[in-house]
Amino acid sequence: MAVEDSNTIDNKPTGGKSTKKNFFVISITFILIFTSYNAVTNLQSSINTDENVGLYSLAIIAGCSIFSCLFLTNPIIFLAG
């Protein structure tokens, strides 16, 4: 009798419908979260008009996002595996 190793990974597709359903749910969730985040940041920038604090905070957030996407992606993927 052959003993199967419990650490092996099957590379077989599990099913088309469940994969499509999971992708659809993740996509809709991302759209909803990103839309609400964008609305809150725009509201925050319009409320904090004293000395353009809201505008500067949006610019800093956008700049940090661009920096992290360009320069921190590979090191984080390397560290996380």
PDB file of N, CA and C in Angstrom:
ATOM      1  N   MET A   1       0.819  -1.171   0.000  1.00  0.00           N
ATOM      2  CA  MET A   1       0.000   0.000   0.000  1.00  0.00           C
ATOM      3  C   MET A   1       0.874   1.249   0.000  1.00  0.00           C
ATOM      4  N   ALA A   2       0.573   2.202  -0.855  1.00  0.00           N
ATOM      5  CA  ALA A   2       1.358   3.439  -0.949  1.00  0.00           C
ATOM      6  C   ALA A   2       0.797   4.463   0.030  1.00  0.00           C
ATOM      7  N   VAL A   3       1.681   5.144   0.699  1.00  0.00           N
ATOM      8  CA  VAL A   3       1.291   6.181   1.650  1.00  0.00           C
ATOM      9  C   VAL A   3       1.459   7.529   0.964  1.00  0.00           C
ATOM     10  N   GLU A   4       0.392   8.320   0.980  1.00  0.00           N
ATOM     11  CA  GLU A   4       0.450   9.636   0.350  1.00  0.00           C
ATOM     12  C   GLU A   4       1.014  10.650   1.318  1.00  0.00           C
ATOM     13  N   ASP A   5       1.814  11.549   0.792  1.00  0.00           N
ATOM     14  CA  ASP A   5       2.359  12.627   1.609  1.00  0.00           C
ATOM     15  C   ASP A   5       1.281  13.694   1.762  1.00  0.00           C
ATOM     16  N   SER A   6       1.030  14.105   2.986  1.00  0.00           N
ATOM     17  CA  SER A   6      -0.032  15.086   3.224  1.00  0.00           C
ATOM     18  C   SER A   6       0.392  16.491   2.850  1.00  0.00           C
ATOM     19  N   ASN A   7       1.667  16.698   2.519  1.00  0.00           N
ATOM     20  CA  ASN A   7       2.152  18.028   2.183  1.00  0.00           C
ATOM     21  C   ASN A   7       2.159  18.305   0.689  1.00  0.00           C
ATOM     22  N   THR A   8       1.714  17.371  -0.136  1.00  0.00           N
ATOM     23  CA  THR A   8       1.690  17.606  -1.573  1.00  0.00           C
ATOM     24  C   THR A   8       0.537  18.523  -1.922  1.00  0.00           C
ATOM     25  N   ILE A   9       0.734  19.271  -2.986  1.00  0.00           N
ATOM     26  CA  ILE A   9      -0.274  20.237  -3.423  1.00  0.00           C
ATOM     27  C   ILE A   9      -0.789  19.791  -4.778  1.00  0.00           C
ATOM     28  N   ASP A  10      -2.110  19.709  -4.891  1.00  0.00           N
ATOM     29  CA  ASP A  10      -2.718  19.412  -6.181  1.00  0.00           C
ATOM     30  C   ASP A  10      -2.771  20.686  -7.002  1.00  0.00           C
ATOM     31  N   ASN A  11      -2.414  20.598  -8.251  1.00  0.00           N
ATOM     32  CA  ASN A  11      -2.504  21.732  -9.152  1.00  0.00           C
ATOM     33  C   ASN A  11      -3.724  21.632 -10.049  1.00  0.00           C
ATOM     34  N   LYS A  12      -4.684  20.826  -9.651  1.00  0.00           N
ATOM     35  CA  LYS A  12      -5.883  20.654 -10.443  1.00  0.00           C
ATOM     36  C   LYS A  12      -6.846  21.801 -10.168  1.00  0.00           C
ATOM     37  N   PRO A  13      -7.508  22.291 -11.200  1.00  0.00           N
ATOM     38  CA  PRO A  13      -8.524  23.317 -10.953  1.00  0.00           C
ATOM     39  C   PRO A  13      -9.700  22.713 -10.195  1.00  0.00           C
ATOM     40  N   THR A  14     -10.207  23.445  -9.220  1.00  0.00           N
ATOM     41  CA  THR A  14     -11.276  22.909  -8.386  1.00  0.00           C
ATOM     42  C   THR A  14     -12.639  23.058  -9.036  1.00  0.00           C
ATOM     43  N   GLY A  15     -12.825  24.044  -9.840  1.00  0.00           N
ATOM     44  CA  GLY A  15     -14.106  24.215 -10.494  1.00  0.00           C
ATOM     45  C   GLY A  15     -14.229  25.619 -11.028  1.00  0.00           C
ATOM     46  N   GLY A  16     -14.875  25.760 -12.145  1.00  0.00           N
ATOM     47  CA  GLY A  16     -14.985  27.051 -12.783  1.00  0.00           C
ATOM     48  C   GLY A  16     -15.928  28.006 -12.081  1.00  0.00           C
ATOM     49  N   LYS A  17     -17.060  27.484 -11.595  1.00  0.00           N
ATOM     50  CA  LYS A  17     -18.064  28.359 -11.000  1.00  0.00           C
ATOM     51  C   LYS A  17     -17.593  28.949  -9.681  1.00  0.00           C
ATOM     52  N   SER A  18     -16.948  28.157  -8.851  1.00  0.00           N
ATOM     53  CA  SER A  18     -16.534  28.679  -7.557  1.00  0.00           C
ATOM     54  C   SER A  18     -15.404  29.699  -7.715  1.00  0.00           C
ATOM     55  N   THR A  19     -14.522  29.478  -8.673  1.00  0.00           N
ATOM     56  CA  THR A  19     -13.444  30.424  -8.917  1.00  0.00           C
ATOM     57  C   THR A  19     -13.991  31.745  -9.441  1.00  0.00           C
ATOM     58  N   LYS A  20     -14.922  31.673 -10.369  1.00  0.00           N
ATOM     59  CA  LYS A  20     -15.529  32.891 -10.911  1.00  0.00           C
ATOM     60  C   LYS A  20     -16.322  33.622  -9.838  1.00  0.00           C
ATOM     61  N   LYS A  21     -17.018  32.883  -8.993  1.00  0.00           N
ATOM     62  CA  LYS A  21     -17.794  33.501  -7.918  1.00  0.00           C
ATOM     63  C   LYS A  21     -16.872  34.206  -6.930  1.00  0.00           C
ATOM     64  N   ASN A  22     -15.767  33.552  -6.543  1.00  0.00           N
ATOM     65  CA  ASN A  22     -14.815  34.174  -5.630  1.00  0.00           C
ATOM     66  C   ASN A  22     -14.202  35.431  -6.235  1.00  0.00           C
ATOM     67  N   PHE A  23     -13.834  35.374  -7.502  1.00  0.00           N
ATOM     68  CA  PHE A  23     -13.268  36.540  -8.180  1.00  0.00           C
ATOM     69  C   PHE A  23     -14.274  37.677  -8.230  1.00  0.00           C
ATOM     70  N   PHE A  24     -15.535  37.366  -8.521  1.00  0.00           N
ATOM     71  CA  PHE A  24     -16.584  38.383  -8.589  1.00  0.00           C
ATOM     72  C   PHE A  24     -16.794  39.036  -7.227  1.00  0.00           C
ATOM     73  N   VAL A  25     -16.835  38.245  -6.179  1.00  0.00           N
ATOM     74  CA  VAL A  25     -17.046  38.784  -4.830  1.00  0.00           C
ATOM     75  C   VAL A  25     -15.864  39.661  -4.413  1.00  0.00           C
ATOM     76  N   ILE A  26     -14.651  39.229  -4.686  1.00  0.00           N
ATOM     77  CA  ILE A  26     -13.476  40.027  -4.336  1.00  0.00           C
ATOM     78  C   ILE A  26     -13.453  41.328  -5.135  1.00  0.00           C
ATOM     79  N   SER A  27     -13.825  41.274  -6.407  1.00  0.00           N
ATOM     80  CA  SER A  27     -13.841  42.477  -7.240  1.00  0.00           C
ATOM     81  C   SER A  27     -14.867  43.487  -6.744  1.00  0.00           C
ATOM     82  N   ILE A  28     -16.065  43.028  -6.457  1.00  0.00           N
ATOM     83  CA  ILE A  28     -17.115  43.929  -5.966  1.00  0.00           C
ATOM     84  C   ILE A  28     -16.726  44.512  -4.613  1.00  0.00           C
ATOM     85  N   THR A  29     -16.147  43.707  -3.746  1.00  0.00           N
ATOM     86  CA  THR A  29     -15.717  44.190  -2.435  1.00  0.00           C
ATOM     87  C   THR A  29     -14.645  45.263  -2.584  1.00  0.00           C
ATOM     88  N   PHE A  30     -13.675  45.046  -3.463  1.00  0.00           N
ATOM     89  CA  PHE A  30     -12.633  46.040  -3.693  1.00  0.00           C
ATOM     90  C   PHE A  30     -13.220  47.344  -4.208  1.00  0.00           C
ATOM     91  N   ILE A  31     -14.151  47.262  -5.144  1.00  0.00           N
ATOM     92  CA  ILE A  31     -14.774  48.469  -5.697  1.00  0.00           C
ATOM     93  C   ILE A  31     -15.509  49.240  -4.607  1.00  0.00           C
ATOM     94  N   LEU A  32     -16.252  48.544  -3.766  1.00  0.00           N
ATOM     95  CA  LEU A  32     -16.997  49.220  -2.702  1.00  0.00           C
ATOM     96  C   LEU A  32     -16.067  49.864  -1.674  1.00  0.00           C
ATOM     97  N   ILE A  33     -15.027  49.155  -1.275  1.00  0.00           N
ATOM     98  CA  ILE A  33     -14.090  49.705  -0.285  1.00  0.00           C
ATOM     99  C   ILE A  33     -13.339  50.891  -0.865  1.00  0.00           C
ATOM    100  N   PHE A  34     -12.872  50.789  -2.107  1.00  0.00           N
ATOM    101  CA  PHE A  34     -12.131  51.887  -2.715  1.00  0.00           C
ATOM    102  C   PHE A  34     -13.019  53.107  -2.904  1.00  0.00           C
ATOM    103  N   THR A  35     -14.280  52.903  -3.290  1.00  0.00           N
ATOM    104  CA  THR A  35     -15.200  54.020  -3.466  1.00  0.00           C
ATOM    105  C   THR A  35     -15.471  54.725  -2.146  1.00  0.00           C
ATOM    106  N   SER A  36     -15.690  53.973  -1.082  1.00  0.00           N
ATOM    107  CA  SER A  36     -15.950  54.602   0.214  1.00  0.00           C
ATOM    108  C   SER A  36     -14.700  55.311   0.732  1.00  0.00           C
ATOM    109  N   TYR A  37     -13.525  54.728   0.541  1.00  0.00           N
ATOM    110  CA  TYR A  37     -12.281  55.377   0.968  1.00  0.00           C
ATOM    111  C   TYR A  37     -12.075  56.685   0.209  1.00  0.00           C
ATOM    112  N   ASN A  38     -12.315  56.669  -1.076  1.00  0.00           N
ATOM    113  CA  ASN A  38     -12.170  57.875  -1.890  1.00  0.00           C
ATOM    114  C   ASN A  38     -13.156  58.959  -1.455  1.00  0.00           C
ATOM    115  N   ALA A  39     -14.380  58.575  -1.143  1.00  0.00           N
ATOM    116  CA  ALA A  39     -15.375  59.546  -0.692  1.00  0.00           C
ATOM    117  C   ALA A  39     -14.983  60.167   0.639  1.00  0.00           C
ATOM    118  N   VAL A  40     -14.471  59.355   1.565  1.00  0.00           N
ATOM    119  CA  VAL A  40     -14.070  59.870   2.875  1.00  0.00           C
ATOM    120  C   VAL A  40     -12.877  60.812   2.740  1.00  0.00           C
ATOM    121  N   THR A  41     -11.904  60.466   1.908  1.00  0.00           N
ATOM    122  CA  THR A  41     -10.748  61.354   1.752  1.00  0.00           C
ATOM    123  C   THR A  41     -11.133  62.676   1.097  1.00  0.00           C
ATOM    124  N   ASN A  42     -12.034  62.630   0.132  1.00  0.00           N
ATOM    125  CA  ASN A  42     -12.486  63.883  -0.483  1.00  0.00           C
ATOM    126  C   ASN A  42     -13.291  64.720   0.497  1.00  0.00           C
ATOM    127  N   LEU A  43     -14.093  64.082   1.322  1.00  0.00           N
ATOM    128  CA  LEU A  43     -14.850  64.812   2.337  1.00  0.00           C
ATOM    129  C   LEU A  43     -13.903  65.435   3.353  1.00  0.00           C
ATOM    130  N   GLN A  44     -12.892  64.690   3.752  1.00  0.00           N
ATOM    131  CA  GLN A  44     -11.921  65.198   4.712  1.00  0.00           C
ATOM    132  C   GLN A  44     -11.178  66.403   4.143  1.00  0.00           C
ATOM    133  N   SER A  45     -10.856  66.376   2.860  1.00  0.00           N
ATOM    134  CA  SER A  45     -10.132  67.498   2.274  1.00  0.00           C
ATOM    135  C   SER A  45     -11.018  68.723   2.137  1.00  0.00           C
ATOM    136  N   SER A  46     -12.319  68.536   1.971  1.00  0.00           N
ATOM    137  CA  SER A  46     -13.201  69.695   1.862  1.00  0.00           C
ATOM    138  C   SER A  46     -13.589  70.244   3.233  1.00  0.00           C
ATOM    139  N   ILE A  47     -13.527  69.419   4.282  1.00  0.00           N
ATOM    140  CA  ILE A  47     -13.835  69.910   5.630  1.00  0.00           C
ATOM    141  C   ILE A  47     -12.648  70.674   6.205  1.00  0.00           C
ATOM    142  N   ASN A  48     -11.442  70.172   6.050  1.00  0.00           N
ATOM    143  CA  ASN A  48     -10.238  70.796   6.605  1.00  0.00           C
ATOM    144  C   ASN A  48      -9.675  71.816   5.620  1.00  0.00           C
ATOM    145  N   THR A  49     -10.323  72.967   5.529  1.00  0.00           N
ATOM    146  CA  THR A  49      -9.887  73.991   4.583  1.00  0.00           C
ATOM    147  C   THR A  49      -8.922  74.992   5.205  1.00  0.00           C
ATOM    148  N   ASP A  50      -8.712  74.945   6.526  1.00  0.00           N
ATOM    149  CA  ASP A  50      -7.790  75.876   7.172  1.00  0.00           C
ATOM    150  C   ASP A  50      -6.370  75.613   6.683  1.00  0.00           C
ATOM    151  N   GLU A  51      -5.792  76.584   6.029  1.00  0.00           N
ATOM    152  CA  GLU A  51      -4.428  76.517   5.503  1.00  0.00           C
ATOM    153  C   GLU A  51      -4.217  75.301   4.603  1.00  0.00           C
ATOM    154  N   ASN A  52      -5.227  74.861   3.924  1.00  0.00           N
ATOM    155  CA  ASN A  52      -5.171  73.743   2.969  1.00  0.00           C
ATOM    156  C   ASN A  52      -4.649  72.447   3.586  1.00  0.00           C
ATOM    157  N   VAL A  53      -5.003  72.177   4.826  1.00  0.00           N
ATOM    158  CA  VAL A  53      -4.545  70.958   5.496  1.00  0.00           C
ATOM    159  C   VAL A  53      -5.081  69.722   4.778  1.00  0.00           C
ATOM    160  N   GLY A  54      -6.337  69.748   4.379  1.00  0.00           N
ATOM    161  CA  GLY A  54      -6.930  68.606   3.693  1.00  0.00           C
ATOM    162  C   GLY A  54      -6.272  68.323   2.358  1.00  0.00           C
ATOM    163  N   LEU A  55      -5.972  69.388   1.608  1.00  0.00           N
ATOM    164  CA  LEU A  55      -5.317  69.228   0.314  1.00  0.00           C
ATOM    165  C   LEU A  55      -3.913  68.663   0.479  1.00  0.00           C
ATOM    166  N   TYR A  56      -3.185  69.159   1.466  1.00  0.00           N
ATOM    167  CA  TYR A  56      -1.830  68.657   1.704  1.00  0.00           C
ATOM    168  C   TYR A  56      -1.849  67.204   2.168  1.00  0.00           C
ATOM    169  N   SER A  57      -2.816  66.846   2.982  1.00  0.00           N
ATOM    170  CA  SER A  57      -2.880  65.455   3.438  1.00  0.00           C
ATOM    171  C   SER A  57      -3.197  64.515   2.279  1.00  0.00           C
ATOM    172  N   LEU A  58      -4.078  64.933   1.368  1.00  0.00           N
ATOM    173  CA  LEU A  58      -4.358  64.109   0.185  1.00  0.00           C
ATOM    174  C   LEU A  58      -3.123  63.980  -0.697  1.00  0.00           C
ATOM    175  N   ALA A  59      -2.367  65.052  -0.841  1.00  0.00           N
ATOM    176  CA  ALA A  59      -1.160  65.008  -1.657  1.00  0.00           C
ATOM    177  C   ALA A  59      -0.117  64.090  -1.030  1.00  0.00           C
ATOM    178  N   ILE A  60       0.009  64.134   0.291  1.00  0.00           N
ATOM    179  CA  ILE A  60       0.973  63.263   0.968  1.00  0.00           C
ATOM    180  C   ILE A  60       0.565  61.798   0.845  1.00  0.00           C
ATOM    181  N   ILE A  61      -0.720  61.508   1.002  1.00  0.00           N
ATOM    182  CA  ILE A  61      -1.211  60.131   0.859  1.00  0.00           C
ATOM    183  C   ILE A  61      -0.966  59.618  -0.557  1.00  0.00           C
ATOM    184  N   ALA A  62      -1.254  60.443  -1.560  1.00  0.00           N
ATOM    185  CA  ALA A  62      -1.047  60.034  -2.953  1.00  0.00           C
ATOM    186  C   ALA A  62       0.436  59.824  -3.233  1.00  0.00           C
ATOM    187  N   GLY A  63       1.278  60.711  -2.744  1.00  0.00           N
ATOM    188  CA  GLY A  63       2.712  60.574  -2.947  1.00  0.00           C
ATOM    189  C   GLY A  63       3.274  59.326  -2.290  1.00  0.00           C
ATOM    190  N   CYS A  64       2.839  59.050  -1.060  1.00  0.00           N
ATOM    191  CA  CYS A  64       3.306  57.838  -0.373  1.00  0.00           C
ATOM    192  C   CYS A  64       2.809  56.578  -1.070  1.00  0.00           C
ATOM    193  N   SER A  65       1.614  56.610  -1.607  1.00  0.00           N
ATOM    194  CA  SER A  65       1.091  55.455  -2.341  1.00  0.00           C
ATOM    195  C   SER A  65       1.912  55.194  -3.600  1.00  0.00           C
ATOM    196  N   ILE A  66       2.222  56.257  -4.336  1.00  0.00           N
ATOM    197  CA  ILE A  66       3.026  56.104  -5.550  1.00  0.00           C
ATOM    198  C   ILE A  66       4.417  55.590  -5.199  1.00  0.00           C
ATOM    199  N   PHE A  67       5.025  56.158  -4.158  1.00  0.00           N
ATOM    200  CA  PHE A  67       6.360  55.723  -3.735  1.00  0.00           C
ATOM    201  C   PHE A  67       6.365  54.250  -3.342  1.00  0.00           C
ATOM    202  N   SER A  68       5.366  53.845  -2.550  1.00  0.00           N
ATOM    203  CA  SER A  68       5.333  52.449  -2.104  1.00  0.00           C
ATOM    204  C   SER A  68       5.070  51.493  -3.261  1.00  0.00           C
ATOM    205  N   CYS A  69       4.253  51.903  -4.225  1.00  0.00           N
ATOM    206  CA  CYS A  69       3.991  51.037  -5.375  1.00  0.00           C
ATOM    207  C   CYS A  69       5.229  50.883  -6.254  1.00  0.00           C
ATOM    208  N   LEU A  70       5.992  51.953  -6.399  1.00  0.00           N
ATOM    209  CA  LEU A  70       7.162  51.895  -7.278  1.00  0.00           C
ATOM    210  C   LEU A  70       8.366  51.225  -6.634  1.00  0.00           C
ATOM    211  N   PHE A  71       8.618  51.522  -5.350  1.00  0.00           N
ATOM    212  CA  PHE A  71       9.884  51.113  -4.764  1.00  0.00           C
ATOM    213  C   PHE A  71       9.785  50.052  -3.677  1.00  0.00           C
ATOM    214  N   LEU A  72       8.635  49.839  -3.100  1.00  0.00           N
ATOM    215  CA  LEU A  72       8.531  48.892  -2.003  1.00  0.00           C
ATOM    216  C   LEU A  72       7.876  47.564  -2.377  1.00  0.00           C
ATOM    217  N   THR A  73       7.389  47.445  -3.577  1.00  0.00           N
ATOM    218  CA  THR A  73       6.682  46.228  -3.985  1.00  0.00           C
ATOM    219  C   THR A  73       7.610  45.023  -3.993  1.00  0.00           C
ATOM    220  N   ASN A  74       8.724  45.115  -4.677  1.00  0.00           N
ATOM    221  CA  ASN A  74       9.636  43.967  -4.765  1.00  0.00           C
ATOM    222  C   ASN A  74      10.214  43.554  -3.419  1.00  0.00           C
ATOM    223  N   PRO A  75      10.686  44.484  -2.567  1.00  0.00           N
ATOM    224  CA  PRO A  75      11.190  44.033  -1.267  1.00  0.00           C
ATOM    225  C   PRO A  75      10.122  43.365  -0.396  1.00  0.00           C
ATOM    226  N   ILE A  76       8.903  43.861  -0.446  1.00  0.00           N
ATOM    227  CA  ILE A  76       7.844  43.256   0.369  1.00  0.00           C
ATOM    228  C   ILE A  76       7.497  41.865  -0.162  1.00  0.00           C
ATOM    229  N   ILE A  77       7.449  41.706  -1.472  1.00  0.00           N
ATOM    230  CA  ILE A  77       7.176  40.391  -2.041  1.00  0.00           C
ATOM    231  C   ILE A  77       8.318  39.433  -1.715  1.00  0.00           C
ATOM    232  N   PHE A  78       9.567  39.923  -1.753  1.00  0.00           N
ATOM    233  CA  PHE A  78      10.710  39.090  -1.427  1.00  0.00           C
ATOM    234  C   PHE A  78      10.658  38.643   0.044  1.00  0.00           C
ATOM    235  N   LEU A  79      10.278  39.558   0.935  1.00  0.00           N
ATOM    236  CA  LEU A  79      10.207  39.209   2.347  1.00  0.00           C
ATOM    237  C   LEU A  79       9.023  38.289   2.655  1.00  0.00           C
ATOM    238  N   ALA A  80       7.899  38.529   2.016  1.00  0.00           N
ATOM    239  CA  ALA A  80       6.700  37.740   2.296  1.00  0.00           C
ATOM    240  C   ALA A  80       6.747  36.384   1.607  1.00  0.00           C
ATOM    241  N   GLY A  81       7.448  36.306   0.515  1.00  0.00           N
ATOM    242  CA  GLY A  81       7.549  35.023  -0.184  1.00  0.00           C
ATOM    243  C   GLY A  81       6.544  34.961  -1.247  1.00  0.00           C
TER     244      GLY A  81
END
